[in-house]
Structure formats: structure tokens, C-alpha cells
N, C-alpha and C. Protein backbone atom coordinates (compact mmCIF):
# COMPACT_ATOMS: atom_id res chain seq x y z
N MET A 1 0.85 -1.18 0.00
CA MET A 1 0.00 0.00 0.00
C MET A 1 0.89 1.24 0.00
N ALA A 2 0.29 2.35 -0.42
CA ALA A 2 1.05 3.59 -0.53
C ALA A 2 0.19 4.78 -0.15
N ILE A 3 0.86 5.80 0.39
CA ILE A 3 0.17 7.06 0.64
C ILE A 3 0.30 7.90 -0.61
N LEU A 4 -0.82 8.31 -1.16
CA LEU A 4 -0.87 9.04 -2.43
C LEU A 4 -0.80 10.55 -2.18
N ASP A 5 -0.32 11.28 -3.17
CA ASP A 5 -0.27 12.74 -3.08
C ASP A 5 -1.68 13.30 -3.25
N ILE A 6 -2.04 14.23 -2.38
CA ILE A 6 -3.37 14.84 -2.42
C ILE A 6 -3.31 16.16 -3.19
N LEU A 7 -4.21 16.31 -4.15
CA LEU A 7 -4.33 17.58 -4.88
C LEU A 7 -4.90 18.63 -3.94
N LYS A 8 -4.38 19.83 -4.05
CA LYS A 8 -4.84 20.91 -3.18
C LYS A 8 -5.26 22.12 -4.02
N VAL A 9 -6.21 22.90 -3.47
CA VAL A 9 -6.62 24.12 -4.15
C VAL A 9 -5.40 25.01 -4.32
N PRO A 10 -5.22 25.66 -5.44
CA PRO A 10 -6.20 25.89 -6.51
C PRO A 10 -6.04 24.94 -7.71
N ASP A 11 -5.58 23.72 -7.50
CA ASP A 11 -5.38 22.79 -8.62
C ASP A 11 -6.68 22.65 -9.42
N PRO A 12 -6.66 22.99 -10.72
CA PRO A 12 -7.90 22.96 -11.51
C PRO A 12 -8.48 21.56 -11.69
N ARG A 13 -7.67 20.53 -11.49
CA ARG A 13 -8.18 19.16 -11.64
C ARG A 13 -9.25 18.83 -10.59
N LEU A 14 -9.25 19.55 -9.47
CA LEU A 14 -10.26 19.31 -8.45
C LEU A 14 -11.67 19.66 -8.93
N LYS A 15 -11.76 20.40 -10.02
CA LYS A 15 -13.06 20.79 -10.59
C LYS A 15 -13.55 19.80 -11.65
N GLN A 16 -12.74 18.79 -11.94
CA GLN A 16 -13.07 17.82 -12.98
C GLN A 16 -14.15 16.85 -12.50
N VAL A 17 -15.10 16.51 -13.37
CA VAL A 17 -16.14 15.54 -13.07
C VAL A 17 -15.58 14.14 -13.32
N SER A 18 -15.85 13.22 -12.41
CA SER A 18 -15.31 11.86 -12.49
C SER A 18 -16.23 10.93 -13.28
N GLU A 19 -15.61 9.90 -13.85
CA GLU A 19 -16.32 8.91 -14.65
C GLU A 19 -16.72 7.70 -13.78
N PRO A 20 -17.82 7.04 -14.13
CA PRO A 20 -18.20 5.83 -13.40
C PRO A 20 -17.14 4.73 -13.56
N VAL A 21 -17.04 3.89 -12.55
CA VAL A 21 -16.16 2.73 -12.60
C VAL A 21 -16.90 1.62 -13.35
N SER A 22 -16.19 0.98 -14.28
CA SER A 22 -16.80 -0.13 -15.02
C SER A 22 -16.06 -1.45 -14.80
N ARG A 23 -14.81 -1.38 -14.32
CA ARG A 23 -14.03 -2.61 -14.08
C ARG A 23 -13.80 -2.78 -12.59
N PHE A 24 -14.27 -3.90 -12.07
CA PHE A 24 -14.11 -4.24 -10.67
C PHE A 24 -13.09 -5.38 -10.60
N ASP A 25 -11.84 -5.02 -10.36
CA ASP A 25 -10.76 -6.00 -10.44
C ASP A 25 -9.74 -5.76 -9.32
N ASP A 26 -8.66 -6.52 -9.36
CA ASP A 26 -7.63 -6.40 -8.32
C ASP A 26 -6.99 -5.02 -8.31
N GLU A 27 -6.86 -4.41 -9.47
CA GLU A 27 -6.27 -3.08 -9.54
C GLU A 27 -7.14 -2.07 -8.79
N LEU A 28 -8.46 -2.19 -8.94
CA LEU A 28 -9.38 -1.32 -8.21
C LEU A 28 -9.24 -1.53 -6.71
N ARG A 29 -9.14 -2.78 -6.27
CA ARG A 29 -8.99 -3.07 -4.84
C ARG A 29 -7.67 -2.52 -4.31
N ARG A 30 -6.60 -2.62 -5.09
CA ARG A 30 -5.31 -2.06 -4.66
C ARG A 30 -5.40 -0.54 -4.54
N PHE A 31 -6.03 0.10 -5.52
CA PHE A 31 -6.20 1.55 -5.45
C PHE A 31 -7.01 1.95 -4.22
N ALA A 32 -8.09 1.23 -3.95
CA ALA A 32 -8.93 1.55 -2.79
C ALA A 32 -8.14 1.41 -1.48
N ALA A 33 -7.27 0.42 -1.41
CA ALA A 33 -6.43 0.25 -0.21
C ALA A 33 -5.48 1.43 -0.06
N ASP A 34 -4.89 1.88 -1.17
CA ASP A 34 -4.01 3.06 -1.13
C ASP A 34 -4.81 4.31 -0.73
N LEU A 35 -6.01 4.42 -1.27
CA LEU A 35 -6.85 5.58 -0.96
C LEU A 35 -7.20 5.60 0.54
N GLU A 36 -7.54 4.44 1.09
CA GLU A 36 -7.85 4.38 2.52
C GLU A 36 -6.62 4.74 3.35
N GLU A 37 -5.46 4.21 2.98
CA GLU A 37 -4.23 4.53 3.73
C GLU A 37 -3.94 6.03 3.67
N THR A 38 -4.18 6.64 2.52
CA THR A 38 -3.97 8.08 2.37
C THR A 38 -4.91 8.85 3.28
N MET A 39 -6.18 8.45 3.32
CA MET A 39 -7.16 9.11 4.20
C MET A 39 -6.73 9.00 5.65
N ARG A 40 -6.32 7.83 6.08
CA ARG A 40 -5.97 7.61 7.48
C ARG A 40 -4.68 8.34 7.87
N ALA A 41 -3.82 8.64 6.89
CA ALA A 41 -2.57 9.35 7.17
C ALA A 41 -2.80 10.84 7.35
N GLY A 42 -3.93 11.34 6.88
CA GLY A 42 -4.23 12.77 6.98
C GLY A 42 -4.70 13.14 8.37
N PRO A 43 -4.62 14.42 8.69
CA PRO A 43 -5.05 14.86 10.02
C PRO A 43 -6.57 14.83 10.16
N GLY A 44 -7.08 13.89 10.94
CA GLY A 44 -8.51 13.84 11.21
C GLY A 44 -9.37 13.46 10.02
N GLY A 45 -8.77 12.84 9.01
CA GLY A 45 -9.52 12.50 7.81
C GLY A 45 -10.58 11.44 8.08
N VAL A 46 -11.82 11.72 7.70
CA VAL A 46 -12.90 10.76 7.82
C VAL A 46 -13.45 10.36 6.45
N GLY A 47 -12.88 10.95 5.40
CA GLY A 47 -13.33 10.61 4.06
C GLY A 47 -12.33 11.09 3.03
N ILE A 48 -12.39 10.46 1.86
CA ILE A 48 -11.53 10.85 0.75
C ILE A 48 -12.20 10.37 -0.53
N ALA A 49 -11.98 11.10 -1.60
CA ALA A 49 -12.54 10.74 -2.90
C ALA A 49 -11.39 10.58 -3.89
N ALA A 50 -11.56 9.68 -4.84
CA ALA A 50 -10.52 9.39 -5.82
C ALA A 50 -10.00 10.64 -6.53
N PRO A 51 -10.83 11.61 -6.91
CA PRO A 51 -10.31 12.79 -7.60
C PRO A 51 -9.30 13.59 -6.76
N GLN A 52 -9.35 13.45 -5.45
CA GLN A 52 -8.42 14.18 -4.61
C GLN A 52 -6.99 13.71 -4.77
N VAL A 53 -6.82 12.51 -5.34
CA VAL A 53 -5.48 11.99 -5.60
C VAL A 53 -5.22 11.87 -7.10
N GLY A 54 -6.05 12.56 -7.89
CA GLY A 54 -5.82 12.62 -9.33
C GLY A 54 -6.37 11.46 -10.13
N ARG A 55 -7.25 10.68 -9.55
CA ARG A 55 -7.90 9.58 -10.29
C ARG A 55 -9.37 9.95 -10.43
N PHE A 56 -9.80 10.15 -11.64
CA PHE A 56 -11.13 10.73 -11.88
C PHE A 56 -12.16 9.65 -12.18
N GLN A 57 -12.34 8.82 -11.14
CA GLN A 57 -13.36 7.78 -11.14
C GLN A 57 -14.23 7.98 -9.90
N ARG A 58 -15.45 7.46 -9.97
CA ARG A 58 -16.44 7.69 -8.91
C ARG A 58 -16.23 6.69 -7.77
N ILE A 59 -15.24 6.99 -6.92
CA ILE A 59 -14.89 6.15 -5.77
C ILE A 59 -14.71 7.07 -4.57
N VAL A 60 -15.38 6.76 -3.47
CA VAL A 60 -15.17 7.50 -2.22
C VAL A 60 -15.05 6.51 -1.08
N ILE A 61 -14.33 6.95 -0.04
CA ILE A 61 -14.21 6.18 1.18
C ILE A 61 -14.63 7.10 2.33
N VAL A 62 -15.47 6.57 3.22
CA VAL A 62 -15.90 7.31 4.39
C VAL A 62 -15.84 6.37 5.59
N ASP A 63 -15.28 6.88 6.70
CA ASP A 63 -15.26 6.13 7.95
C ASP A 63 -15.24 7.13 9.10
N VAL A 64 -16.39 7.33 9.72
CA VAL A 64 -16.50 8.28 10.84
C VAL A 64 -16.52 7.55 12.18
N SER A 65 -16.16 6.27 12.19
CA SER A 65 -16.25 5.46 13.41
C SER A 65 -15.32 5.93 14.52
N SER A 66 -14.32 6.75 14.20
CA SER A 66 -13.41 7.24 15.24
C SER A 66 -14.04 8.36 16.07
N ARG A 67 -15.16 8.90 15.62
CA ARG A 67 -15.84 9.97 16.37
C ARG A 67 -16.78 9.35 17.40
N PRO A 68 -16.60 9.70 18.67
CA PRO A 68 -17.46 9.11 19.71
C PRO A 68 -18.93 9.48 19.52
N ASN A 69 -19.78 8.54 19.87
CA ASN A 69 -21.24 8.75 19.87
C ASN A 69 -21.78 9.21 18.51
N THR A 70 -21.16 8.71 17.44
CA THR A 70 -21.58 9.08 16.08
C THR A 70 -22.15 7.84 15.40
N PRO A 71 -23.45 7.85 15.06
CA PRO A 71 -23.99 6.70 14.33
C PRO A 71 -23.23 6.52 13.02
N ASN A 72 -22.83 5.26 12.73
CA ASN A 72 -22.05 5.05 11.51
C ASN A 72 -22.09 3.59 11.07
N HIS A 73 -21.63 3.38 9.85
CA HIS A 73 -21.54 2.05 9.25
C HIS A 73 -20.11 1.54 9.21
N GLY A 74 -19.19 2.19 9.92
CA GLY A 74 -17.79 1.79 9.84
C GLY A 74 -17.21 2.22 8.51
N LEU A 75 -16.25 1.47 8.04
CA LEU A 75 -15.59 1.79 6.77
C LEU A 75 -16.54 1.51 5.61
N MET A 76 -16.82 2.56 4.82
CA MET A 76 -17.63 2.41 3.61
C MET A 76 -16.77 2.75 2.41
N VAL A 77 -16.61 1.78 1.51
CA VAL A 77 -15.96 2.03 0.23
C VAL A 77 -17.09 2.04 -0.79
N LEU A 78 -17.34 3.21 -1.36
CA LEU A 78 -18.51 3.41 -2.23
C LEU A 78 -18.05 3.66 -3.66
N VAL A 79 -18.43 2.77 -4.55
CA VAL A 79 -18.09 2.90 -5.95
C VAL A 79 -19.37 3.28 -6.71
N ASN A 80 -19.27 4.32 -7.51
CA ASN A 80 -20.42 4.85 -8.26
C ASN A 80 -21.60 5.19 -7.33
N PRO A 81 -21.34 5.92 -6.24
CA PRO A 81 -22.43 6.22 -5.30
C PRO A 81 -23.42 7.23 -5.87
N GLU A 82 -24.67 7.05 -5.46
CA GLU A 82 -25.73 8.00 -5.83
C GLU A 82 -26.65 8.20 -4.63
N ILE A 83 -26.90 9.43 -4.30
CA ILE A 83 -27.87 9.73 -3.24
C ILE A 83 -29.26 9.62 -3.85
N THR A 84 -30.09 8.77 -3.25
CA THR A 84 -31.42 8.51 -3.81
C THR A 84 -32.53 9.22 -3.04
N ALA A 85 -32.24 9.64 -1.81
CA ALA A 85 -33.24 10.37 -1.01
C ALA A 85 -32.49 11.16 0.06
N TRP A 86 -33.09 12.27 0.45
CA TRP A 86 -32.50 13.08 1.53
C TRP A 86 -33.60 13.84 2.23
N GLU A 87 -33.30 14.22 3.48
CA GLU A 87 -34.25 15.05 4.22
C GLU A 87 -33.49 15.85 5.27
N GLY A 88 -34.12 16.91 5.72
CA GLY A 88 -33.56 17.77 6.74
C GLY A 88 -32.38 18.58 6.22
N LEU A 89 -32.16 19.72 6.82
CA LEU A 89 -31.01 20.56 6.46
C LEU A 89 -30.39 21.09 7.74
N LYS A 90 -29.07 21.15 7.75
CA LYS A 90 -28.37 21.66 8.92
C LYS A 90 -27.04 22.26 8.48
N VAL A 91 -26.69 23.38 9.11
CA VAL A 91 -25.39 24.00 8.87
C VAL A 91 -24.36 23.30 9.75
N GLY A 92 -23.19 23.02 9.18
CA GLY A 92 -22.11 22.41 9.95
C GLY A 92 -20.77 22.82 9.40
N ARG A 93 -19.75 22.75 10.23
CA ARG A 93 -18.39 23.12 9.84
C ARG A 93 -17.73 21.95 9.12
N GLU A 94 -17.08 22.23 8.00
CA GLU A 94 -16.39 21.20 7.24
C GLU A 94 -14.96 21.63 6.93
N GLY A 95 -14.10 20.65 6.84
CA GLY A 95 -12.74 20.83 6.38
C GLY A 95 -12.49 19.82 5.27
N CYS A 96 -11.31 19.88 4.68
CA CYS A 96 -11.02 19.01 3.54
C CYS A 96 -9.52 18.84 3.39
N LEU A 97 -9.11 17.62 3.07
CA LEU A 97 -7.69 17.35 2.83
C LEU A 97 -7.16 18.17 1.66
N SER A 98 -8.02 18.55 0.73
CA SER A 98 -7.61 19.34 -0.44
C SER A 98 -7.65 20.84 -0.18
N VAL A 99 -8.18 21.22 0.97
CA VAL A 99 -8.24 22.64 1.38
C VAL A 99 -7.67 22.71 2.80
N PRO A 100 -6.37 22.48 2.95
CA PRO A 100 -5.81 22.27 4.29
C PRO A 100 -5.81 23.48 5.20
N ASP A 101 -5.92 24.67 4.67
CA ASP A 101 -5.78 25.88 5.49
C ASP A 101 -7.09 26.48 5.96
N TYR A 102 -8.23 25.92 5.54
CA TYR A 102 -9.52 26.54 5.85
C TYR A 102 -10.55 25.50 6.25
N THR A 103 -11.56 25.98 7.00
CA THR A 103 -12.79 25.24 7.25
C THR A 103 -13.93 26.20 6.91
N GLY A 104 -15.14 25.66 6.79
CA GLY A 104 -16.26 26.54 6.46
C GLY A 104 -17.59 25.94 6.83
N ASN A 105 -18.59 26.79 6.94
CA ASN A 105 -19.95 26.37 7.26
C ASN A 105 -20.70 26.05 5.97
N VAL A 106 -21.27 24.85 5.94
CA VAL A 106 -21.97 24.34 4.76
C VAL A 106 -23.30 23.75 5.19
N ILE A 107 -24.34 23.94 4.39
CA ILE A 107 -25.65 23.33 4.65
C ILE A 107 -25.69 21.97 3.94
N ARG A 108 -26.04 20.94 4.69
CA ARG A 108 -26.16 19.58 4.14
C ARG A 108 -27.43 18.93 4.67
N ALA A 109 -27.88 17.90 3.98
CA ALA A 109 -29.00 17.09 4.45
C ALA A 109 -28.58 16.35 5.72
N THR A 110 -29.53 16.16 6.63
CA THR A 110 -29.22 15.47 7.88
C THR A 110 -29.44 13.96 7.79
N ARG A 111 -30.15 13.52 6.76
CA ARG A 111 -30.35 12.08 6.52
C ARG A 111 -30.35 11.85 5.03
N ILE A 112 -29.60 10.83 4.60
CA ILE A 112 -29.58 10.48 3.19
C ILE A 112 -29.72 8.97 3.02
N GLU A 113 -30.22 8.58 1.87
CA GLU A 113 -30.18 7.19 1.44
C GLU A 113 -29.34 7.18 0.18
N LEU A 114 -28.53 6.12 0.04
CA LEU A 114 -27.69 6.06 -1.15
C LEU A 114 -27.54 4.63 -1.63
N THR A 115 -27.26 4.53 -2.91
CA THR A 115 -26.91 3.25 -3.50
C THR A 115 -25.50 3.38 -4.06
N ALA A 116 -24.80 2.27 -4.13
CA ALA A 116 -23.45 2.25 -4.67
C ALA A 116 -23.11 0.80 -5.03
N ARG A 117 -21.87 0.60 -5.40
CA ARG A 117 -21.32 -0.74 -5.62
C ARG A 117 -20.18 -0.92 -4.64
N ASP A 118 -19.94 -2.16 -4.24
CA ASP A 118 -18.75 -2.44 -3.43
C ASP A 118 -17.59 -2.74 -4.39
N LEU A 119 -16.45 -3.11 -3.84
CA LEU A 119 -15.26 -3.32 -4.68
C LEU A 119 -15.36 -4.53 -5.58
N ASP A 120 -16.36 -5.39 -5.35
CA ASP A 120 -16.59 -6.54 -6.23
C ASP A 120 -17.69 -6.26 -7.24
N GLY A 121 -18.27 -5.06 -7.18
CA GLY A 121 -19.33 -4.70 -8.12
C GLY A 121 -20.72 -5.03 -7.63
N ASN A 122 -20.84 -5.52 -6.40
CA ASN A 122 -22.15 -5.86 -5.85
C ASN A 122 -22.87 -4.60 -5.38
N PRO A 123 -24.19 -4.52 -5.60
CA PRO A 123 -24.93 -3.34 -5.14
C PRO A 123 -25.01 -3.29 -3.61
N VAL A 124 -24.88 -2.08 -3.07
CA VAL A 124 -25.03 -1.85 -1.63
C VAL A 124 -25.92 -0.64 -1.44
N GLU A 125 -26.61 -0.60 -0.31
CA GLU A 125 -27.47 0.53 0.05
C GLU A 125 -27.17 0.93 1.49
N TYR A 126 -27.21 2.22 1.74
CA TYR A 126 -26.99 2.73 3.09
C TYR A 126 -27.98 3.84 3.39
N GLU A 127 -28.33 3.94 4.66
CA GLU A 127 -29.01 5.12 5.17
C GLU A 127 -28.05 5.75 6.17
N CYS A 128 -27.70 6.99 5.94
CA CYS A 128 -26.73 7.68 6.79
C CYS A 128 -27.40 8.90 7.43
N VAL A 129 -27.00 9.18 8.67
CA VAL A 129 -27.55 10.33 9.38
C VAL A 129 -26.43 11.19 9.95
N ASP A 130 -26.79 12.42 10.21
CA ASP A 130 -25.95 13.38 10.93
C ASP A 130 -24.55 13.49 10.32
N PHE A 131 -23.51 13.31 11.12
CA PHE A 131 -22.15 13.56 10.64
C PHE A 131 -21.76 12.61 9.50
N GLU A 132 -22.17 11.34 9.58
CA GLU A 132 -21.85 10.41 8.50
C GLU A 132 -22.50 10.86 7.20
N ALA A 133 -23.75 11.32 7.27
CA ALA A 133 -24.44 11.82 6.07
C ALA A 133 -23.69 13.02 5.50
N ARG A 134 -23.24 13.91 6.37
CA ARG A 134 -22.47 15.09 5.93
C ARG A 134 -21.19 14.65 5.22
N ALA A 135 -20.47 13.71 5.81
CA ALA A 135 -19.20 13.26 5.23
C ALA A 135 -19.42 12.61 3.86
N VAL A 136 -20.45 11.79 3.73
CA VAL A 136 -20.74 11.15 2.44
C VAL A 136 -21.07 12.20 1.39
N GLN A 137 -21.91 13.18 1.73
CA GLN A 137 -22.27 14.23 0.78
C GLN A 137 -21.04 15.02 0.35
N HIS A 138 -20.17 15.33 1.30
CA HIS A 138 -18.93 16.06 1.01
C HIS A 138 -18.09 15.29 0.00
N GLU A 139 -17.91 13.99 0.24
CA GLU A 139 -17.06 13.19 -0.66
C GLU A 139 -17.71 13.01 -2.04
N ILE A 140 -19.00 12.80 -2.09
CA ILE A 140 -19.67 12.65 -3.39
C ILE A 140 -19.56 13.95 -4.18
N ASP A 141 -19.59 15.10 -3.52
CA ASP A 141 -19.38 16.37 -4.22
C ASP A 141 -18.07 16.38 -5.00
N HIS A 142 -17.01 15.80 -4.41
CA HIS A 142 -15.72 15.75 -5.11
C HIS A 142 -15.86 15.06 -6.47
N LEU A 143 -16.72 14.06 -6.56
CA LEU A 143 -16.89 13.32 -7.82
C LEU A 143 -17.49 14.20 -8.91
N ASP A 144 -18.16 15.26 -8.49
CA ASP A 144 -18.79 16.19 -9.44
C ASP A 144 -18.01 17.49 -9.55
N GLY A 145 -16.77 17.49 -9.08
CA GLY A 145 -15.91 18.67 -9.20
C GLY A 145 -16.27 19.80 -8.26
N LEU A 146 -16.92 19.47 -7.14
CA LEU A 146 -17.32 20.49 -6.16
C LEU A 146 -16.51 20.35 -4.88
N LEU A 147 -16.14 21.47 -4.31
CA LEU A 147 -15.48 21.51 -3.01
C LEU A 147 -16.43 22.16 -2.01
N PHE A 148 -16.15 21.99 -0.71
CA PHE A 148 -17.01 22.64 0.27
C PHE A 148 -16.98 24.15 0.08
N LEU A 149 -15.91 24.68 -0.50
CA LEU A 149 -15.82 26.11 -0.78
C LEU A 149 -16.95 26.57 -1.71
N ASP A 150 -17.41 25.67 -2.58
CA ASP A 150 -18.49 26.00 -3.51
C ASP A 150 -19.86 26.02 -2.84
N ARG A 151 -19.94 25.49 -1.63
CA ARG A 151 -21.23 25.38 -0.93
C ARG A 151 -21.29 26.18 0.37
N LEU A 152 -20.34 27.06 0.57
CA LEU A 152 -20.34 27.87 1.79
C LEU A 152 -21.66 28.61 1.95
N VAL A 153 -22.15 28.70 3.17
CA VAL A 153 -23.36 29.46 3.44
C VAL A 153 -23.14 30.89 2.98
N SER A 154 -22.02 31.49 3.37
CA SER A 154 -21.66 32.85 2.96
C SER A 154 -20.15 32.89 2.74
N LYS A 155 -19.73 33.30 1.57
CA LYS A 155 -18.29 33.38 1.30
C LYS A 155 -17.63 34.45 2.18
N ARG A 156 -18.40 35.41 2.64
CA ARG A 156 -17.86 36.49 3.47
C ARG A 156 -17.75 36.08 4.93
N ASN A 157 -18.78 35.39 5.46
CA ASN A 157 -18.84 35.14 6.90
C ASN A 157 -18.60 33.70 7.34
N ASP A 158 -18.51 32.76 6.41
CA ASP A 158 -18.49 31.35 6.81
C ASP A 158 -17.26 30.59 6.34
N LEU A 159 -16.17 31.28 6.09
CA LEU A 159 -14.89 30.64 5.77
C LEU A 159 -13.90 31.05 6.85
N PHE A 160 -13.22 30.06 7.42
CA PHE A 160 -12.35 30.31 8.57
C PHE A 160 -10.97 29.72 8.34
N ARG A 161 -9.93 30.46 8.71
CA ARG A 161 -8.57 29.93 8.65
C ARG A 161 -8.45 28.85 9.71
N ARG A 162 -7.93 27.69 9.30
CA ARG A 162 -7.80 26.55 10.22
C ARG A 162 -6.75 26.86 11.28
N LYS A 163 -7.06 26.49 12.50
CA LYS A 163 -6.11 26.69 13.59
C LYS A 163 -5.00 25.67 13.48
N ARG A 164 -3.79 26.10 13.79
CA ARG A 164 -2.63 25.20 13.79
C ARG A 164 -2.19 24.98 15.23
N TYR A 165 -2.13 23.72 15.62
CA TYR A 165 -1.71 23.40 16.98
C TYR A 165 -0.30 22.86 16.95
N LYS A 166 0.48 23.24 17.95
CA LYS A 166 1.87 22.76 18.00
C LYS A 166 2.01 21.66 19.00
């Protein structure tokens, strides 16, 4: 496994729309393992999308299980994910491995249903709530060339320089 280089703003490739995955093979599984290792190596990373490492396929990984008292499904590797239903709206603070110096307030659905494929191409379905739902929506946005910066409640009042701790 390897830790991959993460694209950072203002890299224009982060705005690229990703293509669906059509081959479910060992190479895909190896890439997903590298993607997960890259996510876990980042500071507080709970999700990552393939475009963040320069691979423009519809693959995201989300795992919010490290957050206490957070309903979650553990490690989710989602290939070709699609949100099929959503409800509720809530403002929350988001950060991103591709935007390391800032966080911002973004409105997201509080509950989502989604379909995807697993690494073997089998269909999977999830219902996600609260923080896990936010993380999944954030990562799926990457597949469509969107960053949390594109969804800020207010570009003037809701973007914050990330604190650096020593």
C-alpha cells in the first residue's frame, strides 16, 4: 500500500467531473487500499474521494467510526455512489484534505439514502444520518468537481482559517 499525493486548491483538476467505474478488479482493490491509507494518514480524515489523488473515477471512502457517539456504518468504500433520497437541512463546519488551510460552514442534508457498488461490483445501500451523512455528501461532491468552498453558506462570513496546533 502507498500514501498518495493529495491535490490541493487551486489545482484545476479538483473541478473535474469523475467517470463511473466499469471494471471491478484487483487493480481497483489495490487503489482503494491506497486511498484508505492516504485518508488515514491525513489529520482527522474521515473521508476521501478518488479525484483528490488525481484519479477521476467515482470512488469514495468514508469512515467516521473514530468519532465518539456518532452513528455510523464503519468503513464504507462506495463505488459509483448515488444519493437517492434526503431530508432535513443543517449547517455544519467542514474541512477538507484538499483545502488544508480553511474550514467553512456548509448546509447539508441530515439524513440520506444512497446506492453504490462495493469493490466486487455488488450493489449496496446505506441510510446515513448526521455527521456520517455530511461526510458522504462532502465526498460525493468531489466526484462532481465540487469543493465545500463551492457550498459555503456565505463566502464572506463562513470561511475560517484553520487553527494550527503545536
